[in-house]
Amino acid sequence: MSAPDAVVSIRALPEDHHPHASDADIVEIPMTAHDRRRVRRVIEAADGTKLAFELPTGTVLHPGQVVHRSGVREYVVTAAPEDVLVTRPRSVEEAARIGHLIGNLHRDIEVHGGDVIALADDALADRLTRAGVPFERSRRAFQGRAPGEHAH
């Protein structure tokens, strides 16, 4: 553990950025999809350690990724709860329409069982409503990417 008020500078991620399951003392660092793209800032971990992220522009952190190790302690990114829209397509056709609609807005999705989940925003909610697609607002961890972080 770092001394109080000490700041750990993180300029590069560990080469092996996967948690070592059995013997590690895991300190979770909850981040929203947007926060996982903010790689130049100081945060305070749950154990009080201050982490100064100074990572290269374009770096995107992912849930489950180790960002720092100190002895047996590992600091791991987790997906923080955030506002999402959850749809439950009633048919394959509706699922395709939902995927197309969300994709045209350059939004990422998660699929869990029969649920299609996207980060909540008013534009997406309006489009789903106009398309006649039932959805619910929820607050949960979102593993996907933030808007603006898409690839073709």
N, C-alpha and C. Protein backbone atom coordinates (compact mmCIF):
# COMPACT_ATOMS: atom_id res chain seq x y z
N MET A 1 0.85 -1.18 0.00
CA MET A 1 0.00 0.00 0.00
C MET A 1 0.89 1.24 0.00
N SER A 2 0.49 2.24 -0.71
CA SER A 2 1.25 3.48 -0.80
C SER A 2 1.09 4.29 0.49
N ALA A 3 2.08 5.14 0.73
CA ALA A 3 1.97 6.05 1.88
C ALA A 3 0.82 7.01 1.62
N PRO A 4 0.16 7.49 2.70
CA PRO A 4 -0.92 8.44 2.51
C PRO A 4 -0.43 9.63 1.69
N ASP A 5 -1.27 10.12 0.82
CA ASP A 5 -0.99 11.25 -0.05
C ASP A 5 0.04 10.96 -1.14
N ALA A 6 0.63 9.76 -1.17
CA ALA A 6 1.53 9.41 -2.26
C ALA A 6 0.70 9.18 -3.51
N VAL A 7 1.25 9.55 -4.65
CA VAL A 7 0.55 9.36 -5.91
C VAL A 7 1.36 8.40 -6.76
N VAL A 8 0.70 7.36 -7.25
CA VAL A 8 1.33 6.38 -8.12
C VAL A 8 1.11 6.83 -9.55
N SER A 9 2.18 7.06 -10.27
CA SER A 9 2.09 7.49 -11.66
C SER A 9 1.98 6.26 -12.56
N ILE A 10 0.98 6.27 -13.44
CA ILE A 10 0.78 5.15 -14.37
C ILE A 10 0.94 5.69 -15.78
N ARG A 11 2.13 5.44 -16.35
CA ARG A 11 2.43 5.91 -17.71
C ARG A 11 2.30 4.80 -18.74
N ALA A 12 2.27 3.56 -18.25
CA ALA A 12 2.10 2.39 -19.12
C ALA A 12 1.39 1.32 -18.31
N LEU A 13 0.65 0.48 -19.01
CA LEU A 13 -0.06 -0.62 -18.34
C LEU A 13 0.89 -1.80 -18.18
N PRO A 14 0.70 -2.61 -17.15
CA PRO A 14 1.54 -3.80 -17.00
C PRO A 14 1.44 -4.68 -18.25
N GLU A 15 2.57 -5.30 -18.64
CA GLU A 15 2.54 -6.17 -19.82
C GLU A 15 1.50 -7.27 -19.65
N ASP A 16 1.49 -7.89 -18.48
CA ASP A 16 0.48 -8.89 -18.18
C ASP A 16 -0.63 -8.16 -17.43
N HIS A 17 -1.63 -7.70 -18.17
CA HIS A 17 -2.68 -6.88 -17.55
C HIS A 17 -3.93 -7.67 -17.19
N HIS A 18 -3.76 -8.98 -16.98
CA HIS A 18 -4.87 -9.82 -16.53
C HIS A 18 -4.67 -10.13 -15.05
N PRO A 19 -5.73 -10.11 -14.26
CA PRO A 19 -5.59 -10.38 -12.82
C PRO A 19 -5.04 -11.78 -12.55
N HIS A 20 -4.22 -11.88 -11.52
CA HIS A 20 -3.73 -13.17 -11.05
C HIS A 20 -4.70 -13.64 -9.98
N ALA A 21 -5.61 -14.48 -10.35
CA ALA A 21 -6.79 -14.81 -9.55
C ALA A 21 -6.53 -15.21 -8.10
N SER A 22 -5.72 -16.22 -7.86
CA SER A 22 -5.72 -16.84 -6.53
C SER A 22 -5.03 -16.03 -5.43
N ASP A 23 -3.85 -15.51 -5.68
CA ASP A 23 -3.09 -14.92 -4.58
C ASP A 23 -3.17 -13.40 -4.52
N ALA A 24 -3.85 -12.78 -5.44
CA ALA A 24 -3.86 -11.31 -5.50
C ALA A 24 -4.91 -10.70 -4.58
N ASP A 25 -4.56 -9.57 -4.01
CA ASP A 25 -5.50 -8.74 -3.26
C ASP A 25 -6.01 -7.71 -4.27
N ILE A 26 -7.24 -7.89 -4.73
CA ILE A 26 -7.80 -7.07 -5.80
C ILE A 26 -8.44 -5.80 -5.24
N VAL A 27 -8.06 -4.66 -5.79
CA VAL A 27 -8.69 -3.38 -5.48
C VAL A 27 -9.42 -2.97 -6.76
N GLU A 28 -10.75 -2.94 -6.68
CA GLU A 28 -11.54 -2.60 -7.86
C GLU A 28 -11.57 -1.09 -8.07
N ILE A 29 -11.49 -0.71 -9.33
CA ILE A 29 -11.58 0.70 -9.73
C ILE A 29 -12.78 0.82 -10.66
N PRO A 30 -13.96 1.13 -10.12
CA PRO A 30 -15.16 1.23 -10.96
C PRO A 30 -15.07 2.44 -11.89
N MET A 31 -15.33 2.20 -13.18
CA MET A 31 -15.31 3.26 -14.18
C MET A 31 -16.48 3.08 -15.14
N THR A 32 -17.08 4.20 -15.54
CA THR A 32 -18.10 4.15 -16.58
C THR A 32 -17.42 3.94 -17.93
N ALA A 33 -18.22 3.67 -18.96
CA ALA A 33 -17.66 3.51 -20.31
C ALA A 33 -16.89 4.77 -20.71
N HIS A 34 -17.44 5.92 -20.38
CA HIS A 34 -16.76 7.19 -20.69
C HIS A 34 -15.46 7.33 -19.90
N ASP A 35 -15.50 7.00 -18.61
CA ASP A 35 -14.31 7.11 -17.77
C ASP A 35 -13.17 6.23 -18.25
N ARG A 36 -13.50 5.09 -18.85
CA ARG A 36 -12.46 4.17 -19.32
C ARG A 36 -11.66 4.76 -20.48
N ARG A 37 -12.15 5.86 -21.05
CA ARG A 37 -11.41 6.56 -22.11
C ARG A 37 -10.63 7.75 -21.56
N ARG A 38 -10.88 8.13 -20.33
CA ARG A 38 -10.21 9.29 -19.71
C ARG A 38 -8.92 8.81 -19.04
N VAL A 39 -7.84 8.84 -19.78
CA VAL A 39 -6.60 8.21 -19.30
C VAL A 39 -5.54 9.23 -18.87
N ARG A 40 -5.98 10.45 -18.62
CA ARG A 40 -5.09 11.47 -18.05
C ARG A 40 -5.84 12.16 -16.92
N ARG A 41 -5.72 11.58 -15.75
CA ARG A 41 -6.41 12.13 -14.58
C ARG A 41 -5.92 11.40 -13.33
N VAL A 42 -6.27 11.93 -12.18
CA VAL A 42 -5.92 11.31 -10.91
C VAL A 42 -7.20 10.79 -10.28
N ILE A 43 -7.16 9.53 -9.84
CA ILE A 43 -8.30 8.95 -9.14
C ILE A 43 -7.81 8.37 -7.81
N GLU A 44 -8.74 8.21 -6.89
CA GLU A 44 -8.40 7.59 -5.62
C GLU A 44 -9.09 6.24 -5.56
N ALA A 45 -8.29 5.18 -5.39
CA ALA A 45 -8.83 3.83 -5.29
C ALA A 45 -9.48 3.64 -3.92
N ALA A 46 -10.24 2.57 -3.79
CA ALA A 46 -10.97 2.29 -2.55
C ALA A 46 -10.05 2.16 -1.34
N ASP A 47 -8.79 1.77 -1.56
CA ASP A 47 -7.86 1.63 -0.44
C ASP A 47 -7.13 2.94 -0.12
N GLY A 48 -7.50 4.02 -0.81
CA GLY A 48 -6.89 5.32 -0.55
C GLY A 48 -5.70 5.65 -1.44
N THR A 49 -5.23 4.69 -2.22
CA THR A 49 -4.11 4.94 -3.12
C THR A 49 -4.55 5.87 -4.24
N LYS A 50 -3.75 6.89 -4.49
CA LYS A 50 -4.04 7.81 -5.59
C LYS A 50 -3.27 7.35 -6.82
N LEU A 51 -4.00 7.19 -7.91
CA LEU A 51 -3.41 6.73 -9.17
C LEU A 51 -3.48 7.87 -10.17
N ALA A 52 -2.32 8.30 -10.67
CA ALA A 52 -2.26 9.36 -11.68
C ALA A 52 -2.10 8.70 -13.04
N PHE A 53 -3.18 8.66 -13.79
CA PHE A 53 -3.13 8.08 -15.13
C PHE A 53 -2.51 9.08 -16.08
N GLU A 54 -1.44 8.66 -16.75
CA GLU A 54 -0.75 9.48 -17.75
C GLU A 54 -0.51 8.59 -18.97
N LEU A 55 -1.57 7.94 -19.42
CA LEU A 55 -1.46 6.98 -20.52
C LEU A 55 -1.54 7.69 -21.87
N PRO A 56 -1.01 7.06 -22.91
CA PRO A 56 -1.04 7.68 -24.24
C PRO A 56 -2.46 7.95 -24.73
N THR A 57 -2.59 9.04 -25.48
CA THR A 57 -3.87 9.38 -26.10
C THR A 57 -4.36 8.18 -26.91
N GLY A 58 -5.65 7.91 -26.81
CA GLY A 58 -6.23 6.79 -27.55
C GLY A 58 -6.30 5.51 -26.75
N THR A 59 -5.64 5.46 -25.60
CA THR A 59 -5.71 4.27 -24.75
C THR A 59 -7.13 4.14 -24.22
N VAL A 60 -7.66 2.93 -24.27
CA VAL A 60 -8.98 2.64 -23.72
C VAL A 60 -8.82 1.52 -22.71
N LEU A 61 -9.28 1.75 -21.50
CA LEU A 61 -9.22 0.73 -20.46
C LEU A 61 -10.44 -0.17 -20.58
N HIS A 62 -10.31 -1.41 -20.13
CA HIS A 62 -11.38 -2.39 -20.25
C HIS A 62 -11.66 -3.05 -18.90
N PRO A 63 -12.92 -3.37 -18.62
CA PRO A 63 -13.23 -4.08 -17.38
C PRO A 63 -12.40 -5.36 -17.28
N GLY A 64 -11.85 -5.58 -16.09
CA GLY A 64 -11.02 -6.76 -15.85
C GLY A 64 -9.53 -6.51 -16.07
N GLN A 65 -9.19 -5.33 -16.53
CA GLN A 65 -7.80 -5.00 -16.84
C GLN A 65 -7.07 -4.50 -15.60
N VAL A 66 -5.88 -5.05 -15.36
CA VAL A 66 -5.02 -4.57 -14.27
C VAL A 66 -4.31 -3.31 -14.74
N VAL A 67 -4.38 -2.25 -13.94
CA VAL A 67 -3.69 -1.01 -14.31
C VAL A 67 -2.44 -0.77 -13.47
N HIS A 68 -2.35 -1.47 -12.32
CA HIS A 68 -1.18 -1.30 -11.45
C HIS A 68 -1.08 -2.49 -10.52
N ARG A 69 0.18 -2.87 -10.22
CA ARG A 69 0.46 -3.91 -9.23
C ARG A 69 1.43 -3.35 -8.21
N SER A 70 1.17 -3.70 -6.96
CA SER A 70 2.06 -3.31 -5.87
C SER A 70 2.12 -4.49 -4.92
N GLY A 71 3.20 -5.27 -5.02
CA GLY A 71 3.28 -6.50 -4.23
C GLY A 71 2.20 -7.46 -4.70
N VAL A 72 1.37 -7.94 -3.76
CA VAL A 72 0.29 -8.85 -4.15
C VAL A 72 -1.01 -8.10 -4.44
N ARG A 73 -0.98 -6.79 -4.32
CA ARG A 73 -2.18 -5.98 -4.58
C ARG A 73 -2.25 -5.62 -6.06
N GLU A 74 -3.43 -5.82 -6.63
CA GLU A 74 -3.67 -5.48 -8.04
C GLU A 74 -4.85 -4.52 -8.13
N TYR A 75 -4.68 -3.48 -8.91
CA TYR A 75 -5.72 -2.48 -9.13
C TYR A 75 -6.37 -2.79 -10.48
N VAL A 76 -7.66 -3.15 -10.43
CA VAL A 76 -8.35 -3.69 -11.60
C VAL A 76 -9.55 -2.81 -11.96
N VAL A 77 -9.66 -2.48 -13.24
CA VAL A 77 -10.79 -1.71 -13.74
C VAL A 77 -12.04 -2.58 -13.71
N THR A 78 -13.14 -2.02 -13.22
CA THR A 78 -14.44 -2.69 -13.28
C THR A 78 -15.44 -1.74 -13.94
N ALA A 79 -16.51 -2.28 -14.46
CA ALA A 79 -17.56 -1.46 -15.07
C ALA A 79 -18.47 -0.92 -13.97
N ALA A 80 -18.54 0.40 -13.88
CA ALA A 80 -19.40 1.04 -12.88
C ALA A 80 -20.85 1.05 -13.37
N PRO A 81 -21.80 1.01 -12.45
CA PRO A 81 -23.21 1.12 -12.87
C PRO A 81 -23.45 2.47 -13.55
N GLU A 82 -24.23 2.44 -14.61
CA GLU A 82 -24.61 3.67 -15.31
C GLU A 82 -25.97 3.48 -15.95
N ASP A 83 -26.55 4.58 -16.41
CA ASP A 83 -27.89 4.53 -16.99
C ASP A 83 -27.84 3.87 -18.36
N VAL A 84 -28.70 2.86 -18.53
CA VAL A 84 -28.78 2.14 -19.80
C VAL A 84 -30.24 2.00 -20.23
N LEU A 85 -30.41 1.70 -21.50
CA LEU A 85 -31.72 1.33 -22.04
C LEU A 85 -31.67 -0.15 -22.36
N VAL A 86 -32.68 -0.88 -21.92
CA VAL A 86 -32.73 -2.33 -22.11
C VAL A 86 -33.94 -2.64 -22.99
N THR A 87 -33.69 -3.30 -24.11
CA THR A 87 -34.78 -3.77 -24.97
C THR A 87 -34.78 -5.29 -24.95
N ARG A 88 -35.94 -5.86 -25.17
CA ARG A 88 -36.08 -7.32 -25.27
C ARG A 88 -36.79 -7.62 -26.58
N PRO A 89 -36.01 -7.77 -27.65
CA PRO A 89 -36.64 -7.99 -28.96
C PRO A 89 -37.62 -9.16 -28.92
N ARG A 90 -38.77 -8.93 -29.58
CA ARG A 90 -39.82 -9.94 -29.60
C ARG A 90 -39.69 -10.89 -30.78
N SER A 91 -38.77 -10.58 -31.69
CA SER A 91 -38.55 -11.44 -32.86
C SER A 91 -37.15 -11.17 -33.40
N VAL A 92 -36.71 -12.03 -34.29
CA VAL A 92 -35.42 -11.84 -34.94
C VAL A 92 -35.45 -10.55 -35.76
N GLU A 93 -36.58 -10.30 -36.42
CA GLU A 93 -36.70 -9.09 -37.23
C GLU A 93 -36.56 -7.84 -36.36
N GLU A 94 -37.22 -7.84 -35.21
CA GLU A 94 -37.12 -6.68 -34.32
C GLU A 94 -35.69 -6.54 -33.79
N ALA A 95 -35.03 -7.64 -33.49
CA ALA A 95 -33.64 -7.59 -33.03
C ALA A 95 -32.75 -6.95 -34.09
N ALA A 96 -32.98 -7.32 -35.35
CA ALA A 96 -32.20 -6.73 -36.45
C ALA A 96 -32.47 -5.23 -36.56
N ARG A 97 -33.73 -4.83 -36.44
CA ARG A 97 -34.08 -3.41 -36.51
C ARG A 97 -33.42 -2.63 -35.36
N ILE A 98 -33.45 -3.21 -34.17
CA ILE A 98 -32.84 -2.56 -33.00
C ILE A 98 -31.33 -2.40 -33.23
N GLY A 99 -30.70 -3.47 -33.69
CA GLY A 99 -29.25 -3.41 -33.95
C GLY A 99 -28.91 -2.36 -34.99
N HIS A 100 -29.72 -2.28 -36.04
CA HIS A 100 -29.50 -1.29 -37.09
C HIS A 100 -29.70 0.12 -36.54
N LEU A 101 -30.77 0.32 -35.81
CA LEU A 101 -31.08 1.64 -35.25
C LEU A 101 -29.97 2.11 -34.30
N ILE A 102 -29.55 1.25 -33.40
CA ILE A 102 -28.50 1.62 -32.44
C ILE A 102 -27.17 1.81 -33.16
N GLY A 103 -26.88 0.94 -34.11
CA GLY A 103 -25.63 1.05 -34.87
C GLY A 103 -25.54 2.33 -35.68
N ASN A 104 -26.67 2.77 -36.25
CA ASN A 104 -26.67 4.02 -37.00
C ASN A 104 -26.38 5.22 -36.12
N LEU A 105 -26.63 5.11 -34.84
CA LEU A 105 -26.29 6.18 -33.90
C LEU A 105 -24.86 6.01 -33.36
N HIS A 106 -24.15 5.01 -33.89
CA HIS A 106 -22.78 4.72 -33.48
C HIS A 106 -22.69 4.44 -31.98
N ARG A 107 -23.64 3.67 -31.49
CA ARG A 107 -23.66 3.27 -30.08
C ARG A 107 -23.26 1.80 -30.00
N ASP A 108 -22.60 1.45 -28.94
CA ASP A 108 -22.23 0.07 -28.70
C ASP A 108 -23.38 -0.61 -27.96
N ILE A 109 -23.44 -1.92 -28.06
CA ILE A 109 -24.46 -2.68 -27.34
C ILE A 109 -23.80 -3.82 -26.58
N GLU A 110 -24.55 -4.32 -25.63
CA GLU A 110 -24.25 -5.58 -24.96
C GLU A 110 -25.47 -6.46 -25.17
N VAL A 111 -25.25 -7.74 -25.29
CA VAL A 111 -26.36 -8.67 -25.40
C VAL A 111 -26.22 -9.68 -24.27
N HIS A 112 -27.26 -9.78 -23.45
CA HIS A 112 -27.30 -10.74 -22.34
C HIS A 112 -28.61 -11.50 -22.45
N GLY A 113 -28.51 -12.78 -22.80
CA GLY A 113 -29.73 -13.55 -22.99
C GLY A 113 -30.56 -12.89 -24.06
N GLY A 114 -31.78 -12.53 -23.75
CA GLY A 114 -32.65 -11.87 -24.71
C GLY A 114 -32.61 -10.36 -24.64
N ASP A 115 -31.76 -9.79 -23.78
CA ASP A 115 -31.70 -8.34 -23.62
C ASP A 115 -30.64 -7.72 -24.54
N VAL A 116 -31.00 -6.60 -25.15
CA VAL A 116 -30.05 -5.76 -25.88
C VAL A 116 -29.93 -4.48 -25.07
N ILE A 117 -28.70 -4.15 -24.67
CA ILE A 117 -28.46 -3.05 -23.74
C ILE A 117 -27.55 -2.01 -24.39
N ALA A 118 -27.92 -0.74 -24.23
CA ALA A 118 -27.10 0.37 -24.74
C ALA A 118 -27.09 1.47 -23.69
N LEU A 119 -26.04 2.29 -23.73
CA LEU A 119 -26.01 3.44 -22.83
C LEU A 119 -27.21 4.33 -23.12
N ALA A 120 -27.82 4.83 -22.06
CA ALA A 120 -29.03 5.65 -22.20
C ALA A 120 -28.69 7.05 -22.67
N ASP A 121 -29.49 7.53 -23.60
CA ASP A 121 -29.49 8.95 -23.95
C ASP A 121 -30.84 9.25 -24.58
N ASP A 122 -31.21 10.52 -24.55
CA ASP A 122 -32.54 10.92 -25.02
C ASP A 122 -32.75 10.64 -26.50
N ALA A 123 -31.72 10.83 -27.32
CA ALA A 123 -31.86 10.58 -28.76
C ALA A 123 -32.18 9.12 -29.03
N LEU A 124 -31.50 8.22 -28.35
CA LEU A 124 -31.76 6.79 -28.54
C LEU A 124 -33.15 6.43 -28.02
N ALA A 125 -33.52 6.93 -26.86
CA ALA A 125 -34.85 6.65 -26.31
C ALA A 125 -35.93 7.13 -27.27
N ASP A 126 -35.75 8.31 -27.86
CA ASP A 126 -36.71 8.85 -28.82
C ASP A 126 -36.81 7.96 -30.06
N ARG A 127 -35.68 7.53 -30.58
CA ARG A 127 -35.67 6.67 -31.78
C ARG A 127 -36.36 5.34 -31.49
N LEU A 128 -36.09 4.75 -30.33
CA LEU A 128 -36.73 3.48 -29.98
C LEU A 128 -38.24 3.66 -29.85
N THR A 129 -38.66 4.75 -29.22
CA THR A 129 -40.08 5.04 -29.06
C THR A 129 -40.75 5.19 -30.42
N ARG A 130 -40.14 5.98 -31.31
CA ARG A 130 -40.72 6.19 -32.64
C ARG A 130 -40.76 4.91 -33.46
N ALA A 131 -39.83 3.99 -33.20
CA ALA A 131 -39.81 2.72 -33.91
C ALA A 131 -40.77 1.70 -33.29
N GLY A 132 -41.41 2.08 -32.17
CA GLY A 132 -42.35 1.17 -31.52
C GLY A 132 -41.68 0.05 -30.75
N VAL A 133 -40.45 0.26 -30.36
CA VAL A 133 -39.69 -0.76 -29.63
C VAL A 133 -39.81 -0.49 -28.13
N PRO A 134 -40.40 -1.42 -27.38
CA PRO A 134 -40.48 -1.23 -25.93
C PRO A 134 -39.08 -1.34 -25.31
N PHE A 135 -38.84 -0.51 -24.31
CA PHE A 135 -37.56 -0.54 -23.61
C PHE A 135 -37.80 -0.08 -22.18
N GLU A 136 -36.83 -0.35 -21.35
CA GLU A 136 -36.87 0.15 -19.97
C GLU A 136 -35.54 0.81 -19.65
N ARG A 137 -35.62 1.80 -18.80
CA ARG A 137 -34.40 2.43 -18.30
C ARG A 137 -33.95 1.64 -17.07
N SER A 138 -32.66 1.47 -16.95
CA SER A 138 -32.11 0.71 -15.84
C SER A 138 -30.76 1.31 -15.47
N ARG A 139 -30.25 0.90 -14.34
CA ARG A 139 -28.91 1.32 -13.93
C ARG A 139 -28.14 0.05 -13.65
N ARG A 140 -27.11 -0.18 -14.44
CA ARG A 140 -26.28 -1.38 -14.27
C ARG A 140 -24.92 -1.16 -14.92
N ALA A 141 -24.02 -2.07 -14.63
CA ALA A 141 -22.69 -2.00 -15.24
C ALA A 141 -22.82 -2.23 -16.74
N PHE A 142 -22.11 -1.42 -17.51
CA PHE A 142 -22.12 -1.55 -18.97
C PHE A 142 -20.70 -1.86 -19.41
N GLN A 143 -20.52 -3.01 -20.03
CA GLN A 143 -19.19 -3.47 -20.43
C GLN A 143 -18.73 -2.89 -21.76
N GLY A 144 -19.67 -2.34 -22.52
CA GLY A 144 -19.35 -1.87 -23.87
C GLY A 144 -18.57 -0.57 -23.88
N ARG A 145 -18.44 -0.05 -25.10
CA ARG A 145 -17.68 1.18 -25.32
C ARG A 145 -18.59 2.40 -25.24
N ALA A 146 -17.99 3.52 -24.91
CA ALA A 146 -18.72 4.79 -24.87
C ALA A 146 -18.96 5.28 -26.28
N PRO A 147 -19.98 6.12 -26.49
CA PRO A 147 -20.20 6.72 -27.81
C PRO A 147 -18.93 7.43 -28.29
N GLY A 148 -18.68 7.33 -29.58
CA GLY A 148 -17.49 7.94 -30.14
C GLY A 148 -16.32 6.98 -30.18
N GLU A 149 -16.48 5.81 -29.64
CA GLU A 149 -15.40 4.83 -29.58
C GLU A 149 -15.75 3.64 -30.46
N HIS A 150 -16.31 3.89 -31.61
CA HIS A 150 -16.70 2.80 -32.49
C HIS A 150 -15.63 2.57 -33.55
N ALA A 151 -15.71 1.43 -34.19
CA ALA A 151 -14.78 1.10 -35.27
C ALA A 151 -15.57 0.44 -36.39
N HIS A 152 -15.13 0.64 -37.61
CA HIS A 152 -15.79 0.01 -38.77
C HIS A 152 -14.95 -1.13 -39.26
